[in-house]
C-alpha atoms as a PDB file:
ATOM      1  CA  UNK A   1     -43.833  26.084  10.278  1.00  0.00           C
ATOM      2  CA  UNK A   2     -44.605  22.398   9.671  1.00  0.00           C
ATOM      3  CA  UNK A   3     -47.013  23.343   6.894  1.00  0.00           C
ATOM      4  CA  UNK A   4     -44.341  25.487   5.254  1.00  0.00           C
ATOM      5  CA  UNK A   5     -41.847  22.629   5.351  1.00  0.00           C
ATOM      6  CA  UNK A   6     -44.323  20.224   3.734  1.00  0.00           C
ATOM      7  CA  UNK A   7     -45.628  22.764   1.208  1.00  0.00           C
ATOM      8  CA  UNK A   8     -44.766  22.129  -2.422  1.00  0.00           C
ATOM      9  CA  UNK A   9     -43.336  24.709  -4.774  1.00  0.00           C
ATOM     10  CA  UNK A  10     -45.644  25.689  -7.675  1.00  0.00           C
ATOM     11  CA  UNK A  11     -49.308  26.548  -7.352  1.00  0.00           C
ATOM     12  CA  UNK A  12     -51.664  23.580  -7.576  1.00  0.00           C
ATOM     13  CA  UNK A  13     -48.972  21.005  -6.765  1.00  0.00           C
ATOM     14  CA  UNK A  14     -49.879  18.126  -4.461  1.00  0.00           C
ATOM     15  CA  UNK A  15     -48.004  15.163  -3.033  1.00  0.00           C
ATOM     16  CA  UNK A  16     -49.803  12.380  -4.969  1.00  0.00           C
ATOM     17  CA  UNK A  17     -48.921  14.038  -8.271  1.00  0.00           C
ATOM     18  CA  UNK A  18     -45.371  14.706  -7.123  1.00  0.00           C
ATOM     19  CA  UNK A  19     -44.914  11.042  -6.159  1.00  0.00           C
ATOM     20  CA  UNK A  20     -46.256  10.049  -9.574  1.00  0.00           C
ATOM     21  CA  UNK A  21     -43.656  12.365 -11.076  1.00  0.00           C
ATOM     22  CA  UNK A  22     -40.933  10.557  -9.138  1.00  0.00           C
ATOM     23  CA  UNK A  23     -42.108   7.211 -10.500  1.00  0.00           C
ATOM     24  CA  UNK A  24     -42.351   8.636 -14.022  1.00  0.00           C
ATOM     25  CA  UNK A  25     -38.841  10.067 -13.862  1.00  0.00           C
ATOM     26  CA  UNK A  26     -37.530   6.743 -12.551  1.00  0.00           C
ATOM     27  CA  UNK A  27     -39.047   4.891 -15.485  1.00  0.00           C
ATOM     28  CA  UNK A  28     -38.228   7.564 -18.071  1.00  0.00           C
ATOM     29  CA  UNK A  29     -34.568   8.003 -17.204  1.00  0.00           C
ATOM     30  CA  UNK A  30     -34.008   4.261 -16.725  1.00  0.00           C
ATOM     31  CA  UNK A  31     -35.499   3.377 -20.112  1.00  0.00           C
ATOM     32  CA  UNK A  32     -33.616   6.240 -21.777  1.00  0.00           C
ATOM     33  CA  UNK A  33     -30.337   5.061 -20.253  1.00  0.00           C
ATOM     34  CA  UNK A  34     -30.945   1.424 -21.199  1.00  0.00           C
ATOM     35  CA  UNK A  35     -31.731   2.292 -24.815  1.00  0.00           C
ATOM     36  CA  UNK A  36     -28.806   4.715 -24.932  1.00  0.00           C
ATOM     37  CA  UNK A  37     -26.574   1.931 -23.688  1.00  0.00           C
ATOM     38  CA  UNK A  38     -27.314   0.002 -26.886  1.00  0.00           C
ATOM     39  CA  UNK A  39     -25.490   2.642 -28.928  1.00  0.00           C
ATOM     40  CA  UNK A  40     -22.014   1.846 -30.259  1.00  0.00           C
ATOM     41  CA  UNK A  41     -19.135   3.040 -28.045  1.00  0.00           C
ATOM     42  CA  UNK A  42     -18.310   5.774 -30.564  1.00  0.00           C
ATOM     43  CA  UNK A  43     -21.594   7.507 -29.700  1.00  0.00           C
ATOM     44  CA  UNK A  44     -20.750   7.742 -25.967  1.00  0.00           C
ATOM     45  CA  UNK A  45     -21.971   9.054 -23.586  1.00  0.00           C
ATOM     46  CA  UNK A  46     -25.094   6.897 -23.615  1.00  0.00           C
ATOM     47  CA  UNK A  47     -27.032   9.454 -21.508  1.00  0.00           C
ATOM     48  CA  UNK A  48     -26.395  13.207 -21.314  1.00  0.00           C
ATOM     49  CA  UNK A  49     -26.896  14.990 -17.998  1.00  0.00           C
ATOM     50  CA  UNK A  50     -29.431  17.617 -19.230  1.00  0.00           C
ATOM     51  CA  UNK A  51     -31.951  14.792 -19.673  1.00  0.00           C
ATOM     52  CA  UNK A  52     -32.308  14.774 -15.894  1.00  0.00           C
ATOM     53  CA  UNK A  53     -33.578  18.351 -16.037  1.00  0.00           C
ATOM     54  CA  UNK A  54     -35.842  17.492 -18.975  1.00  0.00           C
ATOM     55  CA  UNK A  55     -37.318  14.653 -16.924  1.00  0.00           C
ATOM     56  CA  UNK A  56     -38.242  17.092 -14.140  1.00  0.00           C
ATOM     57  CA  UNK A  57     -40.293  19.096 -16.632  1.00  0.00           C
ATOM     58  CA  UNK A  58     -41.858  16.176 -18.519  1.00  0.00           C
ATOM     59  CA  UNK A  59     -42.929  14.257 -15.420  1.00  0.00           C
ATOM     60  CA  UNK A  60     -43.374  16.893 -12.689  1.00  0.00           C
ATOM     61  CA  UNK A  61     -44.928  19.763 -14.688  1.00  0.00           C
ATOM     62  CA  UNK A  62     -46.331  18.169 -17.873  1.00  0.00           C
ATOM     63  CA  UNK A  63     -48.704  21.114 -18.407  1.00  0.00           C
ATOM     64  CA  UNK A  64     -45.809  23.565 -18.729  1.00  0.00           C
ATOM     65  CA  UNK A  65     -45.241  24.982 -22.220  1.00  0.00           C
ATOM     66  CA  UNK A  66     -41.548  24.293 -21.587  1.00  0.00           C
ATOM     67  CA  UNK A  67     -42.197  20.552 -21.125  1.00  0.00           C
ATOM     68  CA  UNK A  68     -44.034  19.792 -24.355  1.00  0.00           C
ATOM     69  CA  UNK A  69     -42.547  17.356 -26.903  1.00  0.00           C
ATOM     70  CA  UNK A  70     -41.271  19.954 -29.381  1.00  0.00           C
ATOM     71  CA  UNK A  71     -39.420  22.006 -26.737  1.00  0.00           C
ATOM     72  CA  UNK A  72     -37.848  18.832 -25.310  1.00  0.00           C
ATOM     73  CA  UNK A  73     -36.732  17.571 -28.715  1.00  0.00           C
ATOM     74  CA  UNK A  74     -36.001  20.836 -30.484  1.00  0.00           C
ATOM     75  CA  UNK A  75     -34.633  22.664 -27.458  1.00  0.00           C
ATOM     76  CA  UNK A  76     -32.076  19.991 -26.613  1.00  0.00           C
ATOM     77  CA  UNK A  77     -30.980  19.154 -30.157  1.00  0.00           C
ATOM     78  CA  UNK A  78     -30.762  22.711 -31.461  1.00  0.00           C
ATOM     79  CA  UNK A  79     -28.946  23.933 -28.365  1.00  0.00           C
ATOM     80  CA  UNK A  80     -26.290  21.240 -28.459  1.00  0.00           C
ATOM     81  CA  UNK A  81     -25.780  22.035 -32.165  1.00  0.00           C
ATOM     82  CA  UNK A  82     -25.177  25.674 -31.250  1.00  0.00           C
ATOM     83  CA  UNK A  83     -22.719  24.558 -28.579  1.00  0.00           C
ATOM     84  CA  UNK A  84     -20.843  22.391 -31.062  1.00  0.00           C
ATOM     85  CA  UNK A  85     -20.469  25.283 -33.506  1.00  0.00           C
ATOM     86  CA  UNK A  86     -19.316  27.636 -30.744  1.00  0.00           C
ATOM     87  CA  UNK A  87     -16.769  25.074 -29.513  1.00  0.00           C
ATOM     88  CA  UNK A  88     -15.288  24.776 -33.007  1.00  0.00           C
ATOM     89  CA  UNK A  89     -15.210  28.529 -33.667  1.00  0.00           C
ATOM     90  CA  UNK A  90     -14.488  29.915 -30.195  1.00  0.00           C
ATOM     91  CA  UNK A  91     -12.841  27.073 -28.318  1.00  0.00           C
ATOM     92  CA  UNK A  92     -13.683  25.901 -24.825  1.00  0.00           C
ATOM     93  CA  UNK A  93     -13.318  29.001 -22.674  1.00  0.00           C
ATOM     94  CA  UNK A  94     -15.621  31.380 -20.846  1.00  0.00           C
ATOM     95  CA  UNK A  95     -16.541  33.394 -23.948  1.00  0.00           C
ATOM     96  CA  UNK A  96     -17.555  30.274 -25.874  1.00  0.00           C
ATOM     97  CA  UNK A  97     -19.730  29.155 -22.959  1.00  0.00           C
ATOM     98  CA  UNK A  98     -21.523  32.499 -22.713  1.00  0.00           C
ATOM     99  CA  UNK A  99     -22.078  32.819 -26.454  1.00  0.00           C
ATOM    100  CA  UNK A 100     -23.362  29.236 -26.720  1.00  0.00           C
ATOM    101  CA  UNK A 101     -26.016  29.674 -24.050  1.00  0.00           C
ATOM    102  CA  UNK A 102     -27.125  33.100 -25.268  1.00  0.00           C
ATOM    103  CA  UNK A 103     -27.454  31.937 -28.882  1.00  0.00           C
ATOM    104  CA  UNK A 104     -29.288  28.814 -27.745  1.00  0.00           C
ATOM    105  CA  UNK A 105     -31.868  30.969 -25.936  1.00  0.00           C
ATOM    106  CA  UNK A 106     -32.279  33.121 -29.044  1.00  0.00           C
ATOM    107  CA  UNK A 107     -32.705  30.130 -31.377  1.00  0.00           C
ATOM    108  CA  UNK A 108     -35.123  28.320 -29.061  1.00  0.00           C
ATOM    109  CA  UNK A 109     -37.174  31.502 -28.724  1.00  0.00           C
ATOM    110  CA  UNK A 110     -37.334  32.017 -32.487  1.00  0.00           C
ATOM    111  CA  UNK A 111     -38.395  28.407 -33.096  1.00  0.00           C
ATOM    112  CA  UNK A 112     -40.852  28.247 -30.166  1.00  0.00           C
ATOM    113  CA  UNK A 113     -38.999  25.449 -28.391  1.00  0.00           C
ATOM    114  CA  UNK A 114     -37.674  27.195 -25.274  1.00  0.00           C
ATOM    115  CA  UNK A 115     -36.522  24.468 -22.900  1.00  0.00           C
ATOM    116  CA  UNK A 116     -34.323  25.262 -19.858  1.00  0.00           C
ATOM    117  CA  UNK A 117     -32.172  22.103 -20.150  1.00  0.00           C
ATOM    118  CA  UNK A 118     -31.249  23.376 -23.609  1.00  0.00           C
ATOM    119  CA  UNK A 119     -28.925  25.823 -21.890  1.00  0.00           C
ATOM    120  CA  UNK A 120     -27.082  22.892 -20.344  1.00  0.00           C
ATOM    121  CA  UNK A 121     -26.982  21.122 -23.712  1.00  0.00           C
ATOM    122  CA  UNK A 122     -25.367  24.204 -25.250  1.00  0.00           C
ATOM    123  CA  UNK A 123     -22.599  23.945 -22.659  1.00  0.00           C
ATOM    124  CA  UNK A 124     -21.930  20.247 -23.239  1.00  0.00           C
ATOM    125  CA  UNK A 125     -19.584  20.631 -26.234  1.00  0.00           C
ATOM    126  CA  UNK A 126     -17.891  23.706 -24.768  1.00  0.00           C
ATOM    127  CA  UNK A 127     -17.163  22.158 -21.380  1.00  0.00           C
ATOM    128  CA  UNK A 128     -16.730  18.626 -22.686  1.00  0.00           C
ATOM    129  CA  UNK A 129     -13.565  19.520 -24.537  1.00  0.00           C
ATOM    130  CA  UNK A 130     -12.304  18.424 -27.955  1.00  0.00           C
ATOM    131  CA  UNK A 131     -13.574  14.849 -27.486  1.00  0.00           C
ATOM    132  CA  UNK A 132     -17.211  15.940 -27.814  1.00  0.00           C
ATOM    133  CA  UNK A 133     -16.557  18.725 -30.333  1.00  0.00           C
ATOM    134  CA  UNK A 134     -14.831  16.168 -32.565  1.00  0.00           C
ATOM    135  CA  UNK A 135     -18.065  14.189 -32.868  1.00  0.00           C
ATOM    136  CA  UNK A 136     -19.541  16.979 -34.982  1.00  0.00           C
ATOM    137  CA  UNK A 137     -23.213  17.743 -35.439  1.00  0.00           C
ATOM    138  CA  UNK A 138     -23.977  14.024 -35.335  1.00  0.00           C
ATOM    139  CA  UNK A 139     -23.726  14.355 -31.554  1.00  0.00           C
ATOM    140  CA  UNK A 140     -27.025  16.267 -31.691  1.00  0.00           C
ATOM    141  CA  UNK A 141     -28.684  13.102 -33.026  1.00  0.00           C
ATOM    142  CA  UNK A 142     -26.776  10.452 -31.082  1.00  0.00           C
ATOM    143  CA  UNK A 143     -27.012  10.489 -28.179  1.00  0.00           C
ATOM    144  CA  UNK A 144     -28.851  13.798 -27.512  1.00  0.00           C
ATOM    145  CA  UNK A 145     -31.696  13.389 -30.007  1.00  0.00           C
ATOM    146  CA  UNK A 146     -32.220   9.746 -29.118  1.00  0.00           C
ATOM    147  CA  UNK A 147     -32.228  10.524 -25.393  1.00  0.00           C
ATOM    148  CA  UNK A 148     -34.806  13.279 -25.856  1.00  0.00           C
ATOM    149  CA  UNK A 149     -37.016  11.160 -28.140  1.00  0.00           C
ATOM    150  CA  UNK A 150     -37.080   8.209 -25.725  1.00  0.00           C
ATOM    151  CA  UNK A 151     -37.785  10.484 -22.756  1.00  0.00           C
ATOM    152  CA  UNK A 152     -40.717  12.052 -24.599  1.00  0.00           C
ATOM    153  CA  UNK A 153     -41.969   8.678 -25.804  1.00  0.00           C
ATOM    154  CA  UNK A 154     -41.996   7.262 -22.291  1.00  0.00           C
ATOM    155  CA  UNK A 155     -43.703  10.460 -21.110  1.00  0.00           C
ATOM    156  CA  UNK A 156     -46.441  10.054 -23.722  1.00  0.00           C
ATOM    157  CA  UNK A 157     -47.098   6.501 -22.545  1.00  0.00           C
ATOM    158  CA  UNK A 158     -46.765   7.220 -18.828  1.00  0.00           C
ATOM    159  CA  UNK A 159     -49.116  10.181 -18.753  1.00  0.00           C
ATOM    160  CA  UNK A 160     -51.887   8.038 -20.212  1.00  0.00           C
ATOM    161  CA  UNK A 161     -51.985   6.506 -16.728  1.00  0.00           C
ATOM    162  CA  UNK A 162     -51.080   9.541 -14.603  1.00  0.00           C
ATOM    163  CA  UNK A 163     -54.319  11.466 -15.236  1.00  0.00           C
ATOM    164  CA  UNK A 164     -52.388  14.278 -16.927  1.00  0.00           C
ATOM    165  CA  UNK A 165     -52.679  15.239 -20.586  1.00  0.00           C
ATOM    166  CA  UNK A 166     -49.383  15.089 -22.449  1.00  0.00           C
ATOM    167  CA  UNK A 167     -48.893  16.736 -24.873  1.00  0.00           C
ATOM    168  CA  UNK A 168     -50.888  19.157 -22.784  1.00  0.00           C
ATOM    169  CA  UNK A 169     -54.143  20.573 -24.086  1.00  0.00           C
ATOM    170  CA  UNK A 170     -56.063  23.089 -22.020  1.00  0.00           C
ATOM    171  CA  UNK A 171     -59.471  21.814 -20.926  1.00  0.00           C
ATOM    172  CA  UNK A 172     -61.879  24.655 -21.677  1.00  0.00           C
ATOM    173  CA  UNK A 173     -64.255  25.594 -18.907  1.00  0.00           C
ATOM    174  CA  UNK A 174     -67.758  26.922 -19.444  1.00  0.00           C
ATOM    175  CA  UNK A 175     -67.280  30.650 -20.113  1.00  0.00           C
ATOM    176  CA  UNK A 176     -68.529  32.392 -16.988  1.00  0.00           C
ATOM    177  CA  UNK A 177     -66.111  35.238 -16.450  1.00  0.00           C
ATOM    178  CA  UNK A 178     -66.611  38.479 -18.358  1.00  0.00           C
ATOM    179  CA  UNK A 179     -62.905  38.438 -19.202  1.00  0.00           C
ATOM    180  CA  UNK A 180     -61.977  37.819 -22.817  1.00  0.00           C
ATOM    181  CA  UNK A 181     -58.793  36.175 -24.089  1.00  0.00           C
ATOM    182  CA  UNK A 182     -57.785  39.578 -25.429  1.00  0.00           C
ATOM    183  CA  UNK A 183     -58.035  40.984 -21.888  1.00  0.00           C
ATOM    184  CA  UNK A 184     -55.799  38.226 -20.540  1.00  0.00           C
ATOM    185  CA  UNK A 185     -53.257  38.656 -23.333  1.00  0.00           C
ATOM    186  CA  UNK A 186     -53.207  42.410 -22.729  1.00  0.00           C
ATOM    187  CA  UNK A 187     -52.626  41.910 -18.986  1.00  0.00           C
ATOM    188  CA  UNK A 188     -49.786  39.457 -19.679  1.00  0.00           C
ATOM    189  CA  UNK A 189     -48.185  41.921 -22.089  1.00  0.00           C
ATOM    190  CA  UNK A 190     -48.367  44.704 -19.501  1.00  0.00           C
ATOM    191  CA  UNK A 191     -46.748  42.527 -16.827  1.00  0.00           C
ATOM    192  CA  UNK A 192     -43.412  42.475 -18.707  1.00  0.00           C
ATOM    193  CA  UNK A 193     -42.772  39.017 -17.260  1.00  0.00           C
ATOM    194  CA  UNK A 194     -42.869  35.471 -18.655  1.00  0.00           C
ATOM    195  CA  UNK A 195     -45.108  33.056 -16.760  1.00  0.00           C
ATOM    196  CA  UNK A 196     -44.860  29.277 -17.021  1.00  0.00           C
ATOM    197  CA  UNK A 197     -48.497  28.777 -18.021  1.00  0.00           C
ATOM    198  CA  UNK A 198     -50.254  28.895 -21.375  1.00  0.00           C
ATOM    199  CA  UNK A 199     -52.784  31.692 -21.801  1.00  0.00           C
ATOM    200  CA  UNK A 200     -55.440  29.058 -22.612  1.00  0.00           C
ATOM    201  CA  UNK A 201     -54.825  27.385 -19.252  1.00  0.00           C
ATOM    202  CA  UNK A 202     -54.934  30.754 -17.501  1.00  0.00           C
ATOM    203  CA  UNK A 203     -58.276  31.598 -19.135  1.00  0.00           C
ATOM    204  CA  UNK A 204     -59.746  28.223 -18.114  1.00  0.00           C
ATOM    205  CA  UNK A 205     -58.424  28.676 -14.575  1.00  0.00           C
ATOM    206  CA  UNK A 206     -60.034  32.121 -14.269  1.00  0.00           C
ATOM    207  CA  UNK A 207     -63.361  30.732 -15.516  1.00  0.00           C
ATOM    208  CA  UNK A 208     -63.248  27.965 -12.902  1.00  0.00           C
ATOM    209  CA  UNK A 209     -62.356  30.482 -10.183  1.00  0.00           C
ATOM    210  CA  UNK A 210     -65.327  32.633 -11.206  1.00  0.00           C
ATOM    211  CA  UNK A 211     -67.597  29.581 -11.032  1.00  0.00           C
ATOM    212  CA  UNK A 212     -66.384  28.839  -7.496  1.00  0.00           C
ATOM    213  CA  UNK A 213     -66.908  32.473  -6.513  1.00  0.00           C
ATOM    214  CA  UNK A 214     -70.478  32.432  -7.834  1.00  0.00           C
ATOM    215  CA  UNK A 215     -71.198  29.194  -5.985  1.00  0.00           C
ATOM    216  CA  UNK A 216     -69.794  30.660  -2.760  1.00  0.00           C
ATOM    217  CA  UNK A 217     -71.925  33.805  -3.089  1.00  0.00           C
ATOM    218  CA  UNK A 218     -75.038  31.700  -3.613  1.00  0.00           C
END
């Protein structure tokens, strides 16, 4: 029971990395808020809440395809733009909220920048009322775009010291397994599920597992 309580969610996670993520998020959000605070009052708020969710991805799971710079920037900015348009056309009710999030998912998927906090960004103009909708599409740049850019910039600098690659690039292992990338892609297609790991990382992981298996058998 004690081991279950102390166990971390996500395969491969460990406490040293998770504590580094806490420090990274502390620095990233603080710097983002400080720089956002330099904006003129008309650009308020200086920090939007979805950046907290973006920080979880950038600092706690930097290898995730959802945490890479383009998804953070594009996902947040495009989604809040969709929300602004929906707020103007559909108002601030339940229908506008549902349409905003669904269209944001569609747009992020088409442009390869799927980012979960984007769903929250799509809701910002709808739930924020006329005050945010009145700011127009400029709200996607200030403060949302600036927030996202600073968070990514701090992440780029921080992960130079955290032993993680960011933007993430899969480290290829020596090909040992008889599996081909085509086999892995075919298996992923048959699963009818989306997994939060790049196929390149999965291939490298399988090669390393095969190497460990061969060493154990020897």
